[in-house]
All heavy atoms as atom14 arrays in JSON, in Angstrom:
{
  "sequence": "MDYVRDLDSFVHYIGREYLVDSKDIFVIANSIAGVV",
  "atom14_mask": [
    [1, 1, 1, 1, 1, 1, 1, 1, 0, 0, 0, 0, 0, 0],
    [1, 1, 1, 1, 1, 1, 1, 1, 0, 0, 0, 0, 0, 0],
    [1, 1, 1, 1, 1, 1, 1, 1, 1, 1, 1, 1, 0, 0],
    [1, 1, 1, 1, 1, 1, 1, 0, 0, 0, 0, 0, 0, 0],
    [1, 1, 1, 1, 1, 1, 1, 1, 1, 1, 1, 0, 0, 0],
    [1, 1, 1, 1, 1, 1, 1, 1, 0, 0, 0, 0, 0, 0],
    [1, 1, 1, 1, 1, 1, 1, 1, 0, 0, 0, 0, 0, 0],
    [1, 1, 1, 1, 1, 1, 1, 1, 0, 0, 0, 0, 0, 0],
    [1, 1, 1, 1, 1, 1, 0, 0, 0, 0, 0, 0, 0, 0],
    [1, 1, 1, 1, 1, 1, 1, 1, 1, 1, 1, 0, 0, 0],
    [1, 1, 1, 1, 1, 1, 1, 0, 0, 0, 0, 0, 0, 0],
    [1, 1, 1, 1, 1, 1, 1, 1, 1, 1, 0, 0, 0, 0],
    [1, 1, 1, 1, 1, 1, 1, 1, 1, 1, 1, 1, 0, 0],
    [1, 1, 1, 1, 1, 1, 1, 1, 0, 0, 0, 0, 0, 0],
    [1, 1, 1, 1, 0, 0, 0, 0, 0, 0, 0, 0, 0, 0],
    [1, 1, 1, 1, 1, 1, 1, 1, 1, 1, 1, 0, 0, 0],
    [1, 1, 1, 1, 1, 1, 1, 1, 1, 0, 0, 0, 0, 0],
    [1, 1, 1, 1, 1, 1, 1, 1, 1, 1, 1, 1, 0, 0],
    [1, 1, 1, 1, 1, 1, 1, 1, 0, 0, 0, 0, 0, 0],
    [1, 1, 1, 1, 1, 1, 1, 0, 0, 0, 0, 0, 0, 0],
    [1, 1, 1, 1, 1, 1, 1, 1, 0, 0, 0, 0, 0, 0],
    [1, 1, 1, 1, 1, 1, 0, 0, 0, 0, 0, 0, 0, 0],
    [1, 1, 1, 1, 1, 1, 1, 1, 1, 0, 0, 0, 0, 0],
    [1, 1, 1, 1, 1, 1, 1, 1, 0, 0, 0, 0, 0, 0],
    [1, 1, 1, 1, 1, 1, 1, 1, 0, 0, 0, 0, 0, 0],
    [1, 1, 1, 1, 1, 1, 1, 1, 1, 1, 1, 0, 0, 0],
    [1, 1, 1, 1, 1, 1, 1, 0, 0, 0, 0, 0, 0, 0],
    [1, 1, 1, 1, 1, 1, 1, 1, 0, 0, 0, 0, 0, 0],
    [1, 1, 1, 1, 1, 0, 0, 0, 0, 0, 0, 0, 0, 0],
    [1, 1, 1, 1, 1, 1, 1, 1, 0, 0, 0, 0, 0, 0],
    [1, 1, 1, 1, 1, 1, 0, 0, 0, 0, 0, 0, 0, 0],
    [1, 1, 1, 1, 1, 1, 1, 1, 0, 0, 0, 0, 0, 0],
    [1, 1, 1, 1, 1, 0, 0, 0, 0, 0, 0, 0, 0, 0],
    [1, 1, 1, 1, 0, 0, 0, 0, 0, 0, 0, 0, 0, 0],
    [1, 1, 1, 1, 1, 1, 1, 0, 0, 0, 0, 0, 0, 0],
    [1, 1, 1, 1, 1, 1, 1, 0, 0, 0, 0, 0, 0, 0]
  ],
  "atom14_positions": [
    [[0.81, -1.22, 0.0], [0.0, 0.0, 0.0], [0.85, 1.27, 0.0], [0.36, 2.33, -0.37], [-0.95, 0.01, 1.19], [-2.14, -0.93, 1.05], [-3.2, -0.6, -0.38], [-3.9, 0.98, 0.09], [0.0, 0.0, 0.0], [0.0, 0.0, 0.0], [0.0, 0.0, 0.0], [0.0, 0.0, 0.0], [0.0, 0.0, 0.0], [0.0, 0.0, 0.0]],
    [[2.11, 1.18, 0.38], [2.97, 2.36, 0.32], [3.15, 2.84, -1.13], [3.27, 4.04, -1.39], [4.33, 2.07, 0.94], [4.3, 2.09, 2.46], [3.29, 2.53, 3.03], [5.3, 1.66, 3.08], [0.0, 0.0, 0.0], [0.0, 0.0, 0.0], [0.0, 0.0, 0.0], [0.0, 0.0, 0.0], [0.0, 0.0, 0.0], [0.0, 0.0, 0.0]],
    [[3.16, 1.91, -2.07], [3.31, 2.26, -3.48], [2.03, 2.91, -4.02], [2.08, 3.81, -4.86], [3.68, 1.02, -4.29], [4.99, 0.42, -3.84], [5.03, -0.48, -2.77], [6.19, 0.81, -4.41], [6.23, -0.99, -2.3], [7.41, 0.3, -3.96], [7.41, -0.59, -2.9], [8.6, -1.09, -2.44], [0.0, 0.0, 0.0], [0.0, 0.0, 0.0]],
    [[0.89, 2.47, -3.48], [-0.39, 3.09, -3.83], [-0.44, 4.51, -3.28], [-0.87, 5.45, -3.96], [-1.56, 2.24, -3.29], [-2.91, 2.86, -3.67], [-1.48, 0.8, -3.8], [0.0, 0.0, 0.0], [0.0, 0.0, 0.0], [0.0, 0.0, 0.0], [0.0, 0.0, 0.0], [0.0, 0.0, 0.0], [0.0, 0.0, 0.0], [0.0, 0.0, 0.0]],
    [[0.03, 4.68, -2.04], [0.06, 6.01, -1.43], [1.03, 6.94, -2.18], [0.78, 8.13, -2.29], [0.48, 5.9, 0.04], [-0.52, 5.13, 0.91], [-0.05, 5.03, 2.36], [-0.97, 4.25, 3.16], [-0.72, 3.03, 3.63], [0.46, 2.47, 3.43], [-1.62, 2.38, 4.34], [0.0, 0.0, 0.0], [0.0, 0.0, 0.0], [0.0, 0.0, 0.0]],
    [[2.13, 6.37, -2.68], [3.07, 7.18, -3.48], [2.38, 7.73, -4.72], [2.55, 8.91, -5.06], [4.27, 6.33, -3.91], [5.25, 6.05, -2.78], [5.25, 6.81, -1.79], [6.0, 5.06, -2.89], [0.0, 0.0, 0.0], [0.0, 0.0, 0.0], [0.0, 0.0, 0.0], [0.0, 0.0, 0.0], [0.0, 0.0, 0.0], [0.0, 0.0, 0.0]],
    [[1.63, 6.89, -5.4], [0.92, 7.33, -6.6], [-0.08, 8.42, -6.26], [-0.17, 9.45, -6.95], [0.22, 6.15, -7.27], [-0.7, 6.47, -8.46], [0.05, 7.24, -9.55], [-1.33, 5.2, -9.02], [0.0, 0.0, 0.0], [0.0, 0.0, 0.0], [0.0, 0.0, 0.0], [0.0, 0.0, 0.0], [0.0, 0.0, 0.0], [0.0, 0.0, 0.0]],
    [[-0.83, 8.23, -5.19], [-1.81, 9.24, -4.78], [-1.1, 10.56, -4.43], [-1.57, 11.64, -4.8], [-2.61, 8.73, -3.58], [-3.8, 9.62, -3.25], [-4.7, 9.73, -4.1], [-3.82, 10.21, -2.16], [0.0, 0.0, 0.0], [0.0, 0.0, 0.0], [0.0, 0.0, 0.0], [0.0, 0.0, 0.0], [0.0, 0.0, 0.0], [0.0, 0.0, 0.0]],
    [[0.03, 10.45, -3.75], [0.8, 11.65, -3.4], [1.31, 12.37, -4.65], [1.31, 13.61, -4.72], [2.0, 11.27, -2.52], [1.58, 10.69, -1.31], [0.0, 0.0, 0.0], [0.0, 0.0, 0.0], [0.0, 0.0, 0.0], [0.0, 0.0, 0.0], [0.0, 0.0, 0.0], [0.0, 0.0, 0.0], [0.0, 0.0, 0.0], [0.0, 0.0, 0.0]],
    [[1.73, 11.6, -5.65], [2.24, 12.19, -6.88], [1.15, 12.94, -7.64], [1.38, 14.04, -8.16], [2.85, 11.1, -7.77], [3.54, 11.63, -9.0], [4.59, 12.52, -8.89], [3.13, 11.24, -10.27], [5.24, 13.03, -10.02], [3.76, 11.72, -11.4], [4.82, 12.62, -11.28], [0.0, 0.0, 0.0], [0.0, 0.0, 0.0], [0.0, 0.0, 0.0]],
    [[-0.05, 12.37, -7.66], [-1.17, 13.04, -8.34], [-1.49, 14.35, -7.65], [-1.74, 15.38, -8.3], [-2.41, 12.11, -8.38], [-3.64, 12.87, -8.85], [-2.15, 10.92, -9.3], [0.0, 0.0, 0.0], [0.0, 0.0, 0.0], [0.0, 0.0, 0.0], [0.0, 0.0, 0.0], [0.0, 0.0, 0.0], [0.0, 0.0, 0.0], [0.0, 0.0, 0.0]],
    [[-1.46, 14.36, -6.32], [-1.69, 15.61, -5.58], [-0.55, 16.6, -5.85], [-0.79, 17.81, -5.97], [-1.82, 15.34, -4.08], [-3.14, 14.77, -3.69], [-4.28, 15.54, -3.58], [-3.52, 13.51, -3.36], [-5.31, 14.79, -3.22], [-4.88, 13.55, -3.09], [0.0, 0.0, 0.0], [0.0, 0.0, 0.0], [0.0, 0.0, 0.0], [0.0, 0.0, 0.0]],
    [[0.66, 16.08, -5.96], [1.82, 16.94, -6.2], [1.72, 17.65, -7.56], [1.89, 18.88, -7.64], [3.11, 16.12, -6.14], [4.35, 16.91, -6.51], [4.93, 17.78, -5.61], [4.91, 16.79, -7.79], [6.06, 18.52, -5.96], [6.04, 17.52, -8.14], [6.61, 18.39, -7.23], [7.71, 19.13, -7.57], [0.0, 0.0, 0.0], [0.0, 0.0, 0.0]],
    [[1.44, 16.9, -8.63], [1.37, 17.56, -9.94], [0.13, 18.45, -10.04], [0.09, 19.39, -10.83], [1.43, 16.55, -11.11], [0.23, 15.62, -11.12], [2.73, 15.76, -11.06], [0.19, 14.71, -12.36], [0.0, 0.0, 0.0], [0.0, 0.0, 0.0], [0.0, 0.0, 0.0], [0.0, 0.0, 0.0], [0.0, 0.0, 0.0], [0.0, 0.0, 0.0]],
    [[-0.87, 18.15, -9.2], [-2.02, 19.05, -9.14], [-1.63, 20.41, -8.58], [-2.05, 21.45, -9.08], [0.0, 0.0, 0.0], [0.0, 0.0, 0.0], [0.0, 0.0, 0.0], [0.0, 0.0, 0.0], [0.0, 0.0, 0.0], [0.0, 0.0, 0.0], [0.0, 0.0, 0.0], [0.0, 0.0, 0.0], [0.0, 0.0, 0.0], [0.0, 0.0, 0.0]],
    [[-0.79, 20.4, -7.54], [-0.34, 21.65, -6.91], [0.71, 22.36, -7.77], [0.61, 23.56, -8.0], [0.27, 21.37, -5.53], [-0.69, 20.91, -4.47], [-0.02, 20.93, -3.1], [1.24, 20.18, -3.06], [1.35, 18.89, -2.79], [0.26, 18.19, -2.53], [2.54, 18.3, -2.75], [0.0, 0.0, 0.0], [0.0, 0.0, 0.0], [0.0, 0.0, 0.0]],
    [[1.71, 21.62, -8.21], [2.87, 22.22, -8.87], [2.65, 22.51, -10.36], [3.23, 23.45, -10.9], [4.09, 21.32, -8.71], [4.53, 21.13, -7.26], [4.95, 22.44, -6.61], [5.69, 23.22, -7.26], [4.56, 22.68, -5.45], [0.0, 0.0, 0.0], [0.0, 0.0, 0.0], [0.0, 0.0, 0.0], [0.0, 0.0, 0.0], [0.0, 0.0, 0.0]],
    [[1.84, 21.7, -11.02], [1.64, 21.85, -12.46], [0.2, 22.17, -12.83], [-0.15, 22.25, -14.01], [2.09, 20.57, -13.19], [3.58, 20.32, -13.09], [4.12, 19.6, -12.03], [4.45, 20.83, -14.06], [5.49, 19.38, -11.93], [5.82, 20.6, -13.97], [6.33, 19.89, -12.9], [7.69, 19.67, -12.82], [0.0, 0.0, 0.0], [0.0, 0.0, 0.0]],
    [[-0.65, 22.32, -11.8], [-2.06, 22.67, -11.99], [-2.77, 21.68, -12.91], [-3.58, 22.05, -13.76], [-2.19, 24.09, -12.55], [-1.54, 25.2, -11.7], [-1.73, 26.56, -12.36], [-2.1, 25.21, -10.28], [0.0, 0.0, 0.0], [0.0, 0.0, 0.0], [0.0, 0.0, 0.0], [0.0, 0.0, 0.0], [0.0, 0.0, 0.0], [0.0, 0.0, 0.0]],
    [[-2.45, 20.41, -12.73], [-3.1, 19.34, -13.5], [-4.27, 18.8, -12.69], [-4.09, 18.26, -11.6], [-2.11, 18.2, -13.82], [-2.84, 17.07, -14.57], [-0.94, 18.72, -14.65], [0.0, 0.0, 0.0], [0.0, 0.0, 0.0], [0.0, 0.0, 0.0], [0.0, 0.0, 0.0], [0.0, 0.0, 0.0], [0.0, 0.0, 0.0], [0.0, 0.0, 0.0]],
    [[-5.47, 18.94, -13.22], [-6.67, 18.43, -12.56], [-6.75, 16.92, -12.75], [-6.44, 16.42, -13.84], [-7.92, 19.1, -13.16], [-9.15, 18.9, -12.3], [-9.54, 17.73, -12.11], [-9.73, 19.89, -11.82], [0.0, 0.0, 0.0], [0.0, 0.0, 0.0], [0.0, 0.0, 0.0], [0.0, 0.0, 0.0], [0.0, 0.0, 0.0], [0.0, 0.0, 0.0]],
    [[-7.19, 16.21, -11.73], [-7.22, 14.75, -11.82], [-8.09, 14.25, -12.98], [-7.78, 13.23, -13.59], [-7.73, 14.14, -10.5], [-9.06, 14.54, -10.24], [0.0, 0.0, 0.0], [0.0, 0.0, 0.0], [0.0, 0.0, 0.0], [0.0, 0.0, 0.0], [0.0, 0.0, 0.0], [0.0, 0.0, 0.0], [0.0, 0.0, 0.0], [0.0, 0.0, 0.0]],
    [[-9.14, 14.98, -13.31], [-10.02, 14.55, -14.42], [-9.32, 14.61, -15.76], [-9.78, 14.02, -16.75], [-11.3, 15.37, -14.44], [-11.12, 16.82, -14.79], [-12.45, 17.57, -14.81], [-12.26, 19.06, -15.02], [-11.46, 19.43, -16.2], [0.0, 0.0, 0.0], [0.0, 0.0, 0.0], [0.0, 0.0, 0.0], [0.0, 0.0, 0.0], [0.0, 0.0, 0.0]],
    [[-8.19, 15.3, -15.82], [-7.41, 15.41, -17.05], [-6.22, 14.45, -17.07], [-5.32, 14.59, -17.9], [-6.9, 16.85, -17.22], [-8.04, 17.84, -17.39], [-9.04, 17.48, -18.03], [-7.93, 18.96, -16.87], [0.0, 0.0, 0.0], [0.0, 0.0, 0.0], [0.0, 0.0, 0.0], [0.0, 0.0, 0.0], [0.0, 0.0, 0.0], [0.0, 0.0, 0.0]],
    [[-6.24, 13.47, -16.16], [-5.14, 12.52, -16.07], [-5.58, 11.14, -16.54], [-6.65, 10.64, -16.15], [-4.62, 12.41, -14.62], [-3.98, 13.72, -14.17], [-3.62, 11.26, -14.47], [-3.59, 13.75, -12.7], [0.0, 0.0, 0.0], [0.0, 0.0, 0.0], [0.0, 0.0, 0.0], [0.0, 0.0, 0.0], [0.0, 0.0, 0.0], [0.0, 0.0, 0.0]],
    [[-4.76, 10.51, -17.38], [-4.94, 9.11, -17.76], [-3.67, 8.39, -17.33], [-2.57, 8.88, -17.56], [-5.14, 8.98, -19.28], [-5.56, 7.6, -19.72], [-6.89, 7.3, -19.94], [-4.61, 6.59, -19.91], [-7.27, 6.03, -20.32], [-4.99, 5.32, -20.3], [-6.33, 5.04, -20.52], [0.0, 0.0, 0.0], [0.0, 0.0, 0.0], [0.0, 0.0, 0.0]],
    [[-3.83, 7.22, -16.67], [-2.67, 6.52, -16.1], [-2.4, 5.22, -16.87], [-3.31, 4.44, -17.13], [-2.89, 6.2, -14.61], [-1.61, 5.64, -14.0], [-3.34, 7.44, -13.84], [0.0, 0.0, 0.0], [0.0, 0.0, 0.0], [0.0, 0.0, 0.0], [0.0, 0.0, 0.0], [0.0, 0.0, 0.0], [0.0, 0.0, 0.0], [0.0, 0.0, 0.0]],
    [[-1.13, 5.02, -17.2], [-0.67, 3.82, -17.91], [0.33, 3.1, -17.03], [1.26, 3.72, -16.51], [-0.02, 4.2, -19.26], [-1.01, 4.96, -20.15], [0.5, 2.95, -19.98], [-0.36, 5.62, -21.35], [0.0, 0.0, 0.0], [0.0, 0.0, 0.0], [0.0, 0.0, 0.0], [0.0, 0.0, 0.0], [0.0, 0.0, 0.0], [0.0, 0.0, 0.0]],
    [[0.15, 1.78, -16.85], [1.05, 1.06, -15.94], [1.28, -0.37, -16.41], [0.34, -1.04, -16.85], [0.46, 1.05, -14.53], [0.0, 0.0, 0.0], [0.0, 0.0, 0.0], [0.0, 0.0, 0.0], [0.0, 0.0, 0.0], [0.0, 0.0, 0.0], [0.0, 0.0, 0.0], [0.0, 0.0, 0.0], [0.0, 0.0, 0.0], [0.0, 0.0, 0.0]],
    [[2.51, -0.81, -16.29], [2.91, -2.14, -16.73], [3.2, -3.05, -15.52], [3.82, -2.62, -14.55], [4.16, -2.0, -17.6], [4.63, -3.31, -18.24], [5.76, -3.4, -18.69], [3.79, -4.32, -18.3], [0.0, 0.0, 0.0], [0.0, 0.0, 0.0], [0.0, 0.0, 0.0], [0.0, 0.0, 0.0], [0.0, 0.0, 0.0], [0.0, 0.0, 0.0]],
    [[2.71, -4.29, -15.58], [3.06, -5.35, -14.64], [2.65, -5.04, -13.2], [1.48, -4.78, -12.93], [4.56, -5.64, -14.73], [4.89, -6.8, -14.0], [0.0, 0.0, 0.0], [0.0, 0.0, 0.0], [0.0, 0.0, 0.0], [0.0, 0.0, 0.0], [0.0, 0.0, 0.0], [0.0, 0.0, 0.0], [0.0, 0.0, 0.0], [0.0, 0.0, 0.0]],
    [[3.62, -5.03, -12.26], [3.31, -4.76, -10.86], [2.67, -3.39, -10.7], [1.75, -3.21, -9.9], [4.6, -4.87, -10.02], [5.02, -6.33, -9.88], [4.41, -4.24, -8.64], [6.35, -6.54, -9.19], [0.0, 0.0, 0.0], [0.0, 0.0, 0.0], [0.0, 0.0, 0.0], [0.0, 0.0, 0.0], [0.0, 0.0, 0.0], [0.0, 0.0, 0.0]],
    [[3.13, -2.42, -11.49], [2.55, -1.08, -11.42], [1.07, -1.11, -11.8], [0.28, -0.27, -11.34], [3.31, -0.12, -12.33], [0.0, 0.0, 0.0], [0.0, 0.0, 0.0], [0.0, 0.0, 0.0], [0.0, 0.0, 0.0], [0.0, 0.0, 0.0], [0.0, 0.0, 0.0], [0.0, 0.0, 0.0], [0.0, 0.0, 0.0], [0.0, 0.0, 0.0]],
    [[0.66, -2.08, -12.64], [-0.75, -2.22, -12.98], [-1.6, -2.58, -11.78], [-2.75, -2.15, -11.66], [0.0, 0.0, 0.0], [0.0, 0.0, 0.0], [0.0, 0.0, 0.0], [0.0, 0.0, 0.0], [0.0, 0.0, 0.0], [0.0, 0.0, 0.0], [0.0, 0.0, 0.0], [0.0, 0.0, 0.0], [0.0, 0.0, 0.0], [0.0, 0.0, 0.0]],
    [[-1.04, -3.35, -10.86], [-1.75, -3.69, -9.62], [-1.82, -2.46, -8.72], [-2.84, -2.2, -8.08], [-1.07, -4.86, -8.89], [-1.93, -5.33, -7.71], [-0.82, -6.03, -9.84], [0.0, 0.0, 0.0], [0.0, 0.0, 0.0], [0.0, 0.0, 0.0], [0.0, 0.0, 0.0], [0.0, 0.0, 0.0], [0.0, 0.0, 0.0], [0.0, 0.0, 0.0]],
    [[-0.74, -1.69, -8.68], [-0.72, -0.45, -7.9], [-1.82, 0.5, -8.37], [-2.59, 1.03, -7.56], [0.66, 0.24, -8.01], [0.62, 1.63, -7.38], [1.74, -0.61, -7.35], [0.0, 0.0, 0.0], [0.0, 0.0, 0.0], [0.0, 0.0, 0.0], [0.0, 0.0, 0.0], [0.0, 0.0, 0.0], [0.0, 0.0, 0.0], [0.0, 0.0, 0.0]]
  ]
}
């Protein structure tokens, strides 16, 4: 779950620093990252 929390933290980070709204995000992940 720490890796899941990292992803959530990153989304909040780019929301603050780059003004990226979550609705404008599409996530691509391979293998273990797909489970995350």
